[in-house]
Amino acid sequence: ANPPHLTGVFVVFPASGYGGGFAYEGGAFLQGLMEAWTSGLALNTLER
């Protein structure tokens, strides 16, 4: 997004790829990863 005051970034194991390598890999939905991650995130959403 190029904010003017950002000078640099340091990231470890960044969640990347998104459509490929995040939710899907080689066209296959990464079911175990996405279900586990979503269920964990939903706990706070449920509480809110």
ModelCIF file with pLDDT and N, C-alpha, C, O atoms, coordinates in Angstrom:
data_MODEL
#
_entry.id   MODEL 
#
_entity.id                         1 
_entity.type                       polymer 
_entity.pdbx_number_of_molecules   1 
#
_entity_poly.entity_id                      1 
_entity_poly.type                           'polypeptide(L)' 
_entity_poly.nstd_linkage                   no 
_entity_poly.nstd_monomer                   no 
_entity_poly.pdbx_seq_one_letter_code       ANPPHLTGVFVVFPASGYGGGFAYEGGAFLQGLMEAWTSGLALNTLER 
_entity_poly.pdbx_seq_one_letter_code_can   ANPPHLTGVFVVFPASGYGGGFAYEGGAFLQGLMEAWTSGLALNTLER 
_entity_poly.pdbx_strand_id                 A 
#
loop_
_entity_poly_seq.entity_id 
_entity_poly_seq.num 
_entity_poly_seq.mon_id 
_entity_poly_seq.hetero 
1 1  ALA n 
1 2  ASN n 
1 3  PRO n 
1 4  PRO n 
1 5  HIS n 
1 6  LEU n 
1 7  THR n 
1 8  GLY n 
1 9  VAL n 
1 10 PHE n 
1 11 VAL n 
1 12 VAL n 
1 13 PHE n 
1 14 PRO n 
1 15 ALA n 
1 16 SER n 
1 17 GLY n 
1 18 TYR n 
1 19 GLY n 
1 20 GLY n 
1 21 GLY n 
1 22 PHE n 
1 23 ALA n 
1 24 TYR n 
1 25 GLU n 
1 26 GLY n 
1 27 GLY n 
1 28 ALA n 
1 29 PHE n 
1 30 LEU n 
1 31 GLN n 
1 32 GLY n 
1 33 LEU n 
1 34 MET n 
1 35 GLU n 
1 36 ALA n 
1 37 TRP n 
1 38 THR n 
1 39 SER n 
1 40 GLY n 
1 41 LEU n 
1 42 ALA n 
1 43 LEU n 
1 44 ASN n 
1 45 THR n 
1 46 LEU n 
1 47 GLU n 
1 48 ARG n 
#
_struct_asym.id          A 
_struct_asym.entity_id   1 
#
loop_
_ma_qa_metric.id 
_ma_qa_metric.mode 
_ma_qa_metric.name 
_ma_qa_metric.software_group_id 
_ma_qa_metric.type 
1 global pLDDT . pLDDT 
2 local  pLDDT . pLDDT 
#
_ma_qa_metric_global.metric_id      1 
_ma_qa_metric_global.metric_value   89.92 
_ma_qa_metric_global.model_id       1 
_ma_qa_metric_global.ordinal_id     1 
#
loop_
_ma_qa_metric_local.label_asym_id 
_ma_qa_metric_local.label_comp_id 
_ma_qa_metric_local.label_seq_id 
_ma_qa_metric_local.metric_id 
_ma_qa_metric_local.metric_value 
_ma_qa_metric_local.model_id 
_ma_qa_metric_local.ordinal_id 
A ALA 1  2 96.00 1 1  
A ASN 2  2 96.00 1 2  
A PRO 3  2 98.00 1 3  
A PRO 4  2 97.00 1 4  
A HIS 5  2 98.00 1 5  
A LEU 6  2 98.00 1 6  
A THR 7  2 97.00 1 7  
A GLY 8  2 97.00 1 8  
A VAL 9  2 98.00 1 9  
A PHE 10 2 97.00 1 10 
A VAL 11 2 96.00 1 11 
A VAL 12 2 95.00 1 12 
A PHE 13 2 93.00 1 13 
A PRO 14 2 90.00 1 14 
A ALA 15 2 84.00 1 15 
A SER 16 2 77.00 1 16 
A GLY 17 2 72.00 1 17 
A TYR 18 2 74.00 1 18 
A GLY 19 2 67.00 1 19 
A GLY 20 2 71.00 1 20 
A GLY 21 2 74.00 1 21 
A PHE 22 2 85.00 1 22 
A ALA 23 2 90.00 1 23 
A TYR 24 2 91.00 1 24 
A GLU 25 2 86.00 1 25 
A GLY 26 2 85.00 1 26 
A GLY 27 2 87.00 1 27 
A ALA 28 2 91.00 1 28 
A PHE 29 2 92.00 1 29 
A LEU 30 2 91.00 1 30 
A GLN 31 2 93.00 1 31 
A GLY 32 2 93.00 1 32 
A LEU 33 2 91.00 1 33 
A MET 34 2 93.00 1 34 
A GLU 35 2 94.00 1 35 
A ALA 36 2 94.00 1 36 
A TRP 37 2 94.00 1 37 
A THR 38 2 94.00 1 38 
A SER 39 2 92.00 1 39 
A GLY 40 2 93.00 1 40 
A LEU 41 2 94.00 1 41 
A ALA 42 2 92.00 1 42 
A LEU 43 2 91.00 1 43 
A ASN 44 2 93.00 1 44 
A THR 45 2 91.00 1 45 
A LEU 46 2 87.00 1 46 
A GLU 47 2 88.00 1 47 
A ARG 48 2 86.00 1 48 
#
loop_
_atom_site.group_PDB 
_atom_site.id 
_atom_site.type_symbol 
_atom_site.label_atom_id 
_atom_site.label_alt_id 
_atom_site.label_comp_id 
_atom_site.label_asym_id 
_atom_site.label_entity_id 
_atom_site.label_seq_id 
_atom_site.pdbx_PDB_ins_code 
_atom_site.Cartn_x 
_atom_site.Cartn_y 
_atom_site.Cartn_z 
_atom_site.occupancy 
_atom_site.B_iso_or_equiv 
_atom_site.pdbx_formal_charge 
_atom_site.auth_seq_id 
_atom_site.auth_comp_id 
_atom_site.auth_asym_id 
_atom_site.auth_atom_id 
_atom_site.pdbx_PDB_model_num 
ATOM 1   N N  . ALA A 1 1  ? 0.824   -1.213  0.000  1.00 96.00 ? 1  ALA A N  1 
ATOM 2   C CA . ALA A 1 1  ? 0.000   0.000   0.000  1.00 96.00 ? 1  ALA A CA 1 
ATOM 3   C C  . ALA A 1 1  ? 0.856   1.261   0.000  1.00 96.00 ? 1  ALA A C  1 
ATOM 4   O O  . ALA A 1 1  ? 0.353   2.359   -0.238 1.00 96.00 ? 1  ALA A O  1 
ATOM 5   N N  . ASN A 1 2  ? 2.161   1.099   0.270  1.00 96.00 ? 2  ASN A N  1 
ATOM 6   C CA . ASN A 1 2  ? 3.152   2.176   0.127  1.00 96.00 ? 2  ASN A CA 1 
ATOM 7   C C  . ASN A 1 2  ? 2.901   3.380   1.030  1.00 96.00 ? 2  ASN A C  1 
ATOM 8   O O  . ASN A 1 2  ? 2.831   4.508   0.542  1.00 96.00 ? 2  ASN A O  1 
ATOM 9   N N  . PRO A 1 3  ? 2.763   3.158   2.344  1.00 98.00 ? 3  PRO A N  1 
ATOM 10  C CA . PRO A 1 3  ? 2.668   4.325   3.249  1.00 98.00 ? 3  PRO A CA 1 
ATOM 11  C C  . PRO A 1 3  ? 3.979   5.102   3.249  1.00 98.00 ? 3  PRO A C  1 
ATOM 12  O O  . PRO A 1 3  ? 5.045   4.488   3.303  1.00 98.00 ? 3  PRO A O  1 
ATOM 13  N N  . PRO A 1 4  ? 3.936   6.427   3.191  1.00 97.00 ? 4  PRO A N  1 
ATOM 14  C CA . PRO A 1 4  ? 5.161   7.234   3.040  1.00 97.00 ? 4  PRO A CA 1 
ATOM 15  C C  . PRO A 1 4  ? 6.192   7.040   4.143  1.00 97.00 ? 4  PRO A C  1 
ATOM 16  O O  . PRO A 1 4  ? 7.388   7.170   3.884  1.00 97.00 ? 4  PRO A O  1 
ATOM 17  N N  . HIS A 1 5  ? 5.768   6.732   5.367  1.00 98.00 ? 5  HIS A N  1 
ATOM 18  C CA . HIS A 1 5  ? 6.707   6.659   6.479  1.00 98.00 ? 5  HIS A CA 1 
ATOM 19  C C  . HIS A 1 5  ? 7.196   5.247   6.774  1.00 98.00 ? 5  HIS A C  1 
ATOM 20  O O  . HIS A 1 5  ? 7.942   5.044   7.732  1.00 98.00 ? 5  HIS A O  1 
ATOM 21  N N  . LEU A 1 6  ? 6.792   4.275   5.973  1.00 98.00 ? 6  LEU A N  1 
ATOM 22  C CA . LEU A 1 6  ? 7.310   2.920   6.157  1.00 98.00 ? 6  LEU A CA 1 
ATOM 23  C C  . LEU A 1 6  ? 8.692   2.827   5.527  1.00 98.00 ? 6  LEU A C  1 
ATOM 24  O O  . LEU A 1 6  ? 8.879   3.187   4.365  1.00 98.00 ? 6  LEU A O  1 
ATOM 25  N N  . THR A 1 7  ? 9.675   2.335   6.313  1.00 97.00 ? 7  THR A N  1 
ATOM 26  C CA . THR A 1 7  ? 11.063  2.278   5.852  1.00 97.00 ? 7  THR A CA 1 
ATOM 27  C C  . THR A 1 7  ? 11.499  0.872   5.491  1.00 97.00 ? 7  THR A C  1 
ATOM 28  O O  . THR A 1 7  ? 12.364  0.707   4.631  1.00 97.00 ? 7  THR A O  1 
ATOM 29  N N  . GLY A 1 8  ? 10.930  -0.147  6.116  1.00 97.00 ? 8  GLY A N  1 
ATOM 30  C CA . GLY A 1 8  ? 11.330  -1.516  5.827  1.00 97.00 ? 8  GLY A CA 1 
ATOM 31  C C  . GLY A 1 8  ? 10.508  -2.510  6.607  1.00 97.00 ? 8  GLY A C  1 
ATOM 32  O O  . GLY A 1 8  ? 9.749   -2.147  7.506  1.00 97.00 ? 8  GLY A O  1 
ATOM 33  N N  . VAL A 1 9  ? 10.673  -3.796  6.243  1.00 98.00 ? 9  VAL A N  1 
ATOM 34  C CA . VAL A 1 9  ? 9.868   -4.882  6.806  1.00 98.00 ? 9  VAL A CA 1 
ATOM 35  C C  . VAL A 1 9  ? 10.771  -6.065  7.112  1.00 98.00 ? 9  VAL A C  1 
ATOM 36  O O  . VAL A 1 9  ? 11.715  -6.343  6.373  1.00 98.00 ? 9  VAL A O  1 
ATOM 37  N N  . PHE A 1 10 ? 10.473  -6.766  8.215  1.00 97.00 ? 10 PHE A N  1 
ATOM 38  C CA . PHE A 1 10 ? 11.147  -8.022  8.545  1.00 97.00 ? 10 PHE A CA 1 
ATOM 39  C C  . PHE A 1 10 ? 10.076  -9.040  8.877  1.00 97.00 ? 10 PHE A C  1 
ATOM 40  O O  . PHE A 1 10 ? 9.325   -8.856  9.835  1.00 97.00 ? 10 PHE A O  1 
ATOM 41  N N  . VAL A 1 11 ? 9.990   -10.130 8.090  1.00 96.00 ? 11 VAL A N  1 
ATOM 42  C CA . VAL A 1 11 ? 8.934   -11.118 8.298  1.00 96.00 ? 11 VAL A CA 1 
ATOM 43  C C  . VAL A 1 11 ? 9.525   -12.525 8.319  1.00 96.00 ? 11 VAL A C  1 
ATOM 44  O O  . VAL A 1 11 ? 10.443  -12.844 7.564  1.00 96.00 ? 11 VAL A O  1 
ATOM 45  N N  . VAL A 1 12 ? 8.980   -13.350 9.196  1.00 95.00 ? 12 VAL A N  1 
ATOM 46  C CA . VAL A 1 12 ? 9.413   -14.733 9.356  1.00 95.00 ? 12 VAL A CA 1 
ATOM 47  C C  . VAL A 1 12 ? 8.245   -15.655 9.003  1.00 95.00 ? 12 VAL A C  1 
ATOM 48  O O  . VAL A 1 12 ? 7.144   -15.492 9.530  1.00 95.00 ? 12 VAL A O  1 
ATOM 49  N N  . PHE A 1 13 ? 8.481   -16.619 8.119  1.00 93.00 ? 13 PHE A N  1 
ATOM 50  C CA . PHE A 1 13 ? 7.447   -17.549 7.671  1.00 93.00 ? 13 PHE A CA 1 
ATOM 51  C C  . PHE A 1 13 ? 6.162   -16.803 7.293  1.00 93.00 ? 13 PHE A C  1 
ATOM 52  O O  . PHE A 1 13 ? 5.086   -17.156 7.775  1.00 93.00 ? 13 PHE A O  1 
ATOM 53  N N  . PRO A 1 14 ? 6.259   -15.791 6.448  1.00 90.00 ? 14 PRO A N  1 
ATOM 54  C CA . PRO A 1 14 ? 5.060   -14.987 6.183  1.00 90.00 ? 14 PRO A CA 1 
ATOM 55  C C  . PRO A 1 14 ? 3.967   -15.796 5.499  1.00 90.00 ? 14 PRO A C  1 
ATOM 56  O O  . PRO A 1 14 ? 4.229   -16.538 4.552  1.00 90.00 ? 14 PRO A O  1 
ATOM 57  N N  . ALA A 1 15 ? 2.750   -15.647 5.983  1.00 84.00 ? 15 ALA A N  1 
ATOM 58  C CA . ALA A 1 15 ? 1.611   -16.249 5.295  1.00 84.00 ? 15 ALA A CA 1 
ATOM 59  C C  . ALA A 1 15 ? 1.529   -15.607 3.922  1.00 84.00 ? 15 ALA A C  1 
ATOM 60  O O  . ALA A 1 15 ? 1.260   -14.410 3.816  1.00 84.00 ? 15 ALA A O  1 
ATOM 61  N N  . SER A 1 16 ? 1.753   -16.372 2.881  1.00 77.00 ? 16 SER A N  1 
ATOM 62  C CA . SER A 1 16 ? 1.922   -15.779 1.561  1.00 77.00 ? 16 SER A CA 1 
ATOM 63  C C  . SER A 1 16 ? 1.322   -16.691 0.505  1.00 77.00 ? 16 SER A C  1 
ATOM 64  O O  . SER A 1 16 ? 0.928   -17.825 0.779  1.00 77.00 ? 16 SER A O  1 
ATOM 65  N N  . GLY A 1 17 ? 1.265   -16.169 -0.696 1.00 72.00 ? 17 GLY A N  1 
ATOM 66  C CA . GLY A 1 17 ? 0.696   -16.949 -1.777 1.00 72.00 ? 17 GLY A CA 1 
ATOM 67  C C  . GLY A 1 17 ? -0.799  -16.796 -1.854 1.00 72.00 ? 17 GLY A C  1 
ATOM 68  O O  . GLY A 1 17 ? -1.364  -16.720 -2.944 1.00 72.00 ? 17 GLY A O  1 
ATOM 69  N N  . TYR A 1 18 ? -1.449  -16.750 -0.706 1.00 74.00 ? 18 TYR A N  1 
ATOM 70  C CA . TYR A 1 18 ? -2.890  -16.570 -0.597 1.00 74.00 ? 18 TYR A CA 1 
ATOM 71  C C  . TYR A 1 18 ? -3.633  -17.585 -1.462 1.00 74.00 ? 18 TYR A C  1 
ATOM 72  O O  . TYR A 1 18 ? -3.836  -18.715 -1.018 1.00 74.00 ? 18 TYR A O  1 
ATOM 73  N N  . GLY A 1 19 ? -4.040  -17.232 -2.662 1.00 67.00 ? 19 GLY A N  1 
ATOM 74  C CA . GLY A 1 19 ? -4.777  -18.205 -3.470 1.00 67.00 ? 19 GLY A CA 1 
ATOM 75  C C  . GLY A 1 19 ? -4.007  -19.478 -3.724 1.00 67.00 ? 19 GLY A C  1 
ATOM 76  O O  . GLY A 1 19 ? -4.599  -20.556 -3.767 1.00 67.00 ? 19 GLY A O  1 
ATOM 77  N N  . GLY A 1 20 ? -2.702  -19.384 -3.893 1.00 71.00 ? 20 GLY A N  1 
ATOM 78  C CA . GLY A 1 20 ? -1.880  -20.566 -4.104 1.00 71.00 ? 20 GLY A CA 1 
ATOM 79  C C  . GLY A 1 20 ? -0.831  -20.673 -3.025 1.00 71.00 ? 20 GLY A C  1 
ATOM 80  O O  . GLY A 1 20 ? 0.066   -19.832 -2.956 1.00 71.00 ? 20 GLY A O  1 
ATOM 81  N N  . GLY A 1 21 ? -0.915  -21.685 -2.178 1.00 74.00 ? 21 GLY A N  1 
ATOM 82  C CA . GLY A 1 21 ? 0.023   -21.842 -1.083 1.00 74.00 ? 21 GLY A CA 1 
ATOM 83  C C  . GLY A 1 21 ? -0.525  -21.360 0.248  1.00 74.00 ? 21 GLY A C  1 
ATOM 84  O O  . GLY A 1 21 ? 0.150   -21.472 1.271  1.00 74.00 ? 21 GLY A O  1 
ATOM 85  N N  . PHE A 1 22 ? -1.723  -20.834 0.251  1.00 85.00 ? 22 PHE A N  1 
ATOM 86  C CA . PHE A 1 22 ? -2.363  -20.377 1.486  1.00 85.00 ? 22 PHE A CA 1 
ATOM 87  C C  . PHE A 1 22 ? -3.644  -21.179 1.703  1.00 85.00 ? 22 PHE A C  1 
ATOM 88  O O  . PHE A 1 22 ? -3.685  -22.046 2.575  1.00 85.00 ? 22 PHE A O  1 
ATOM 89  N N  . ALA A 1 23 ? -4.672  -20.906 0.935  1.00 90.00 ? 23 ALA A N  1 
ATOM 90  C CA . ALA A 1 23 ? -5.907  -21.681 1.034  1.00 90.00 ? 23 ALA A CA 1 
ATOM 91  C C  . ALA A 1 23 ? -5.892  -22.878 0.089  1.00 90.00 ? 23 ALA A C  1 
ATOM 92  O O  . ALA A 1 23 ? -6.531  -23.896 0.357  1.00 90.00 ? 23 ALA A O  1 
ATOM 93  N N  . TYR A 1 24 ? -5.164  -22.751 -1.012 1.00 91.00 ? 24 TYR A N  1 
ATOM 94  C CA . TYR A 1 24 ? -5.094  -23.828 -2.005 1.00 91.00 ? 24 TYR A CA 1 
ATOM 95  C C  . TYR A 1 24 ? -3.640  -24.134 -2.327 1.00 91.00 ? 24 TYR A C  1 
ATOM 96  O O  . TYR A 1 24 ? -2.778  -23.258 -2.256 1.00 91.00 ? 24 TYR A O  1 
ATOM 97  N N  . GLU A 1 25 ? -3.381  -25.365 -2.674 1.00 86.00 ? 25 GLU A N  1 
ATOM 98  C CA . GLU A 1 25 ? -2.059  -25.786 -3.129 1.00 86.00 ? 25 GLU A CA 1 
ATOM 99  C C  . GLU A 1 25 ? -2.253  -26.729 -4.300 1.00 86.00 ? 25 GLU A C  1 
ATOM 100 O O  . GLU A 1 25 ? -2.830  -27.806 -4.153 1.00 86.00 ? 25 GLU A O  1 
ATOM 101 N N  . GLY A 1 26 ? -1.765  -26.315 -5.474 1.00 85.00 ? 26 GLY A N  1 
ATOM 102 C CA . GLY A 1 26 ? -1.941  -27.146 -6.653 1.00 85.00 ? 26 GLY A CA 1 
ATOM 103 C C  . GLY A 1 26 ? -3.390  -27.417 -6.992 1.00 85.00 ? 26 GLY A C  1 
ATOM 104 O O  . GLY A 1 26 ? -3.714  -28.463 -7.554 1.00 85.00 ? 26 GLY A O  1 
ATOM 105 N N  . GLY A 1 27 ? -4.267  -26.480 -6.655 1.00 87.00 ? 27 GLY A N  1 
ATOM 106 C CA . GLY A 1 27 ? -5.689  -26.626 -6.939 1.00 87.00 ? 27 GLY A CA 1 
ATOM 107 C C  . GLY A 1 27 ? -6.476  -27.319 -5.841 1.00 87.00 ? 27 GLY A C  1 
ATOM 108 O O  . GLY A 1 27 ? -7.706  -27.333 -5.884 1.00 87.00 ? 27 GLY A O  1 
ATOM 109 N N  . ALA A 1 28 ? -5.795  -27.895 -4.858 1.00 91.00 ? 28 ALA A N  1 
ATOM 110 C CA . ALA A 1 28 ? -6.472  -28.607 -3.773 1.00 91.00 ? 28 ALA A CA 1 
ATOM 111 C C  . ALA A 1 28 ? -6.656  -27.685 -2.581 1.00 91.00 ? 28 ALA A C  1 
ATOM 112 O O  . ALA A 1 28 ? -5.718  -26.999 -2.175 1.00 91.00 ? 28 ALA A O  1 
ATOM 113 N N  . PHE A 1 29 ? -7.855  -27.665 -2.019 1.00 92.00 ? 29 PHE A N  1 
ATOM 114 C CA . PHE A 1 29 ? -8.125  -26.852 -0.838 1.00 92.00 ? 29 PHE A CA 1 
ATOM 115 C C  . PHE A 1 29 ? -7.402  -27.449 0.365  1.00 92.00 ? 29 PHE A C  1 
ATOM 116 O O  . PHE A 1 29 ? -7.515  -28.646 0.631  1.00 92.00 ? 29 PHE A O  1 
ATOM 117 N N  . LEU A 1 30 ? -6.661  -26.616 1.090  1.00 91.00 ? 30 LEU A N  1 
ATOM 118 C CA . LEU A 1 30 ? -5.907  -27.083 2.250  1.00 91.00 ? 30 LEU A CA 1 
ATOM 119 C C  . LEU A 1 30 ? -6.859  -27.183 3.444  1.00 91.00 ? 30 LEU A C  1 
ATOM 120 O O  . LEU A 1 30 ? -6.871  -26.326 4.328  1.00 91.00 ? 30 LEU A O  1 
ATOM 121 N N  . GLN A 1 31 ? -7.640  -28.236 3.440  1.00 93.00 ? 31 GLN A N  1 
ATOM 122 C CA . GLN A 1 31 ? -8.762  -28.357 4.365  1.00 93.00 ? 31 GLN A CA 1 
ATOM 123 C C  . GLN A 1 31 ? -8.330  -28.335 5.831  1.00 93.00 ? 31 GLN A C  1 
ATOM 124 O O  . GLN A 1 31 ? -8.891  -27.586 6.631  1.00 93.00 ? 31 GLN A O  1 
ATOM 125 N N  . GLY A 1 32 ? -7.340  -29.147 6.183  1.00 93.00 ? 32 GLY A N  1 
ATOM 126 C CA . GLY A 1 32 ? -6.925  -29.225 7.579  1.00 93.00 ? 32 GLY A CA 1 
ATOM 127 C C  . GLY A 1 32 ? -6.440  -27.889 8.098  1.00 93.00 ? 32 GLY A C  1 
ATOM 128 O O  . GLY A 1 32 ? -6.825  -27.462 9.186  1.00 93.00 ? 32 GLY A O  1 
ATOM 129 N N  . LEU A 1 33 ? -5.586  -27.220 7.314  1.00 91.00 ? 33 LEU A N  1 
ATOM 130 C CA . LEU A 1 33 ? -5.038  -25.931 7.733  1.00 91.00 ? 33 LEU A CA 1 
ATOM 131 C C  . LEU A 1 33 ? -6.127  -24.876 7.842  1.00 91.00 ? 33 LEU A C  1 
ATOM 132 O O  . LEU A 1 33 ? -6.210  -24.168 8.846  1.00 91.00 ? 33 LEU A O  1 
ATOM 133 N N  . MET A 1 34 ? -6.955  -24.767 6.823  1.00 93.00 ? 34 MET A N  1 
ATOM 134 C CA . MET A 1 34 ? -7.958  -23.713 6.805  1.00 93.00 ? 34 MET A CA 1 
ATOM 135 C C  . MET A 1 34 ? -9.041  -23.924 7.862  1.00 93.00 ? 34 MET A C  1 
ATOM 136 O O  . MET A 1 34 ? -9.506  -22.963 8.475  1.00 93.00 ? 34 MET A O  1 
ATOM 137 N N  . GLU A 1 35 ? -9.443  -25.178 8.075  1.00 94.00 ? 35 GLU A N  1 
ATOM 138 C CA . GLU A 1 35 ? -10.460 -25.436 9.102  1.00 94.00 ? 35 GLU A CA 1 
ATOM 139 C C  . GLU A 1 35 ? -9.916  -25.166 10.501 1.00 94.00 ? 35 GLU A C  1 
ATOM 140 O O  . GLU A 1 35 ? -10.600 -24.574 11.334 1.00 94.00 ? 35 GLU A O  1 
ATOM 141 N N  . ALA A 1 36 ? -8.683  -25.602 10.756 1.00 94.00 ? 36 ALA A N  1 
ATOM 142 C CA . ALA A 1 36 ? -8.102  -25.383 12.081 1.00 94.00 ? 36 ALA A CA 1 
ATOM 143 C C  . ALA A 1 36 ? -7.910  -23.895 12.339 1.00 94.00 ? 36 ALA A C  1 
ATOM 144 O O  . ALA A 1 36 ? -8.226  -23.410 13.425 1.00 94.00 ? 36 ALA A O  1 
ATOM 145 N N  . TRP A 1 37 ? -7.397  -23.171 11.358 1.00 94.00 ? 37 TRP A N  1 
ATOM 146 C CA . TRP A 1 37 ? -7.159  -21.740 11.530 1.00 94.00 ? 37 TRP A CA 1 
ATOM 147 C C  . TRP A 1 37 ? -8.476  -20.992 11.720 1.00 94.00 ? 37 TRP A C  1 
ATOM 148 O O  . TRP A 1 37 ? -8.591  -20.144 12.605 1.00 94.00 ? 37 TRP A O  1 
ATOM 149 N N  . THR A 1 38 ? -9.475  -21.310 10.884 1.00 94.00 ? 38 THR A N  1 
ATOM 150 C CA . THR A 1 38 ? -10.763 -20.632 10.967 1.00 94.00 ? 38 THR A CA 1 
ATOM 151 C C  . THR A 1 38 ? -11.437 -20.891 12.309 1.00 94.00 ? 38 THR A C  1 
ATOM 152 O O  . THR A 1 38 ? -11.968 -19.966 12.923 1.00 94.00 ? 38 THR A O  1 
ATOM 153 N N  . SER A 1 39 ? -11.422 -22.127 12.765 1.00 92.00 ? 39 SER A N  1 
ATOM 154 C CA . SER A 1 39 ? -12.069 -22.464 14.036 1.00 92.00 ? 39 SER A CA 1 
ATOM 155 C C  . SER A 1 39 ? -11.408 -21.728 15.200 1.00 92.00 ? 39 SER A C  1 
ATOM 156 O O  . SER A 1 39 ? -12.090 -21.265 16.115 1.00 92.00 ? 39 SER A O  1 
ATOM 157 N N  . GLY A 1 40 ? -10.086 -21.621 15.161 1.00 93.00 ? 40 GLY A N  1 
ATOM 158 C CA . GLY A 1 40 ? -9.388  -20.892 16.207 1.00 93.00 ? 40 GLY A CA 1 
ATOM 159 C C  . GLY A 1 40 ? -9.744  -19.417 16.204 1.00 93.00 ? 40 GLY A C  1 
ATOM 160 O O  . GLY A 1 40 ? -9.967  -18.827 17.261 1.00 93.00 ? 40 GLY A O  1 
ATOM 161 N N  . LEU A 1 41 ? -9.799  -18.812 15.013 1.00 94.00 ? 41 LEU A N  1 
ATOM 162 C CA . LEU A 1 41 ? -10.143 -17.396 14.910 1.00 94.00 ? 41 LEU A CA 1 
ATOM 163 C C  . LEU A 1 41 ? -11.584 -17.129 15.330 1.00 94.00 ? 41 LEU A C  1 
ATOM 164 O O  . LEU A 1 41 ? -11.897 -16.078 15.891 1.00 94.00 ? 41 LEU A O  1 
ATOM 165 N N  . ALA A 1 42 ? -12.460 -18.102 15.048 1.00 92.00 ? 42 ALA A N  1 
ATOM 166 C CA . ALA A 1 42 ? -13.888 -17.894 15.303 1.00 92.00 ? 42 ALA A CA 1 
ATOM 167 C C  . ALA A 1 42 ? -14.215 -17.794 16.788 1.00 92.00 ? 42 ALA A C  1 
ATOM 168 O O  . ALA A 1 42 ? -15.274 -17.276 17.143 1.00 92.00 ? 42 ALA A O  1 
ATOM 169 N N  . LEU A 1 43 ? -13.340 -18.272 17.660 1.00 91.00 ? 43 LEU A N  1 
ATOM 170 C CA . LEU A 1 43 ? -13.614 -18.203 19.097 1.00 91.00 ? 43 LEU A CA 1 
ATOM 171 C C  . LEU A 1 43 ? -13.768 -16.759 19.560 1.00 91.00 ? 43 LEU A C  1 
ATOM 172 O O  . LEU A 1 43 ? -14.706 -16.434 20.288 1.00 91.00 ? 43 LEU A O  1 
ATOM 173 N N  . ASN A 1 44 ? -12.846 -15.890 19.139 1.00 93.00 ? 44 ASN A N  1 
ATOM 174 C CA . ASN A 1 44 ? -12.954 -14.486 19.521 1.00 93.00 ? 44 ASN A CA 1 
ATOM 175 C C  . ASN A 1 44 ? -14.151 -13.822 18.849 1.00 93.00 ? 44 ASN A C  1 
ATOM 176 O O  . ASN A 1 44 ? -14.824 -12.988 19.455 1.00 93.00 ? 44 ASN A O  1 
ATOM 177 N N  . THR A 1 45 ? -14.417 -14.195 17.587 1.00 91.00 ? 45 THR A N  1 
ATOM 178 C CA . THR A 1 45 ? -15.582 -13.650 16.889 1.00 91.00 ? 45 THR A CA 1 
ATOM 179 C C  . THR A 1 45 ? -16.868 -14.056 17.605 1.00 91.00 ? 45 THR A C  1 
ATOM 180 O O  . THR A 1 45 ? -17.787 -13.248 17.737 1.00 91.00 ? 45 THR A O  1 
ATOM 181 N N  . LEU A 1 46 ? -16.936 -15.303 18.066 1.00 87.00 ? 46 LEU A N  1 
ATOM 182 C CA . LEU A 1 46 ? -18.097 -15.769 18.810 1.00 87.00 ? 46 LEU A CA 1 
ATOM 183 C C  . LEU A 1 46 ? -18.294 -14.960 20.088 1.00 87.00 ? 46 LEU A C  1 
ATOM 184 O O  . LEU A 1 46 ? -19.410 -14.544 20.398 1.00 87.00 ? 46 LEU A O  1 
ATOM 185 N N  . GLU A 1 47 ? -17.230 -14.742 20.813 1.00 88.00 ? 47 GLU A N  1 
ATOM 186 C CA . GLU A 1 47 ? -17.321 -13.981 22.056 1.00 88.00 ? 47 GLU A CA 1 
ATOM 187 C C  . GLU A 1 47 ? -17.782 -12.552 21.794 1.00 88.00 ? 47 GLU A C  1 
ATOM 188 O O  . GLU A 1 47 ? -18.650 -12.039 22.501 1.00 88.00 ? 47 GLU A O  1 
ATOM 189 N N  . ARG A 1 48 ? -17.206 -11.908 20.781 1.00 86.00 ? 48 ARG A N  1 
ATOM 190 C CA . ARG A 1 48 ? -17.581 -10.534 20.458 1.00 86.00 ? 48 ARG A CA 1 
ATOM 191 C C  . ARG A 1 48 ? -19.038 -10.458 20.014 1.00 86.00 ? 48 ARG A C  1 
ATOM 192 O O  . ARG A 1 48 ? -19.533 -9.375  19.700 1.00 86.00 ? 48 ARG A O  1 
#
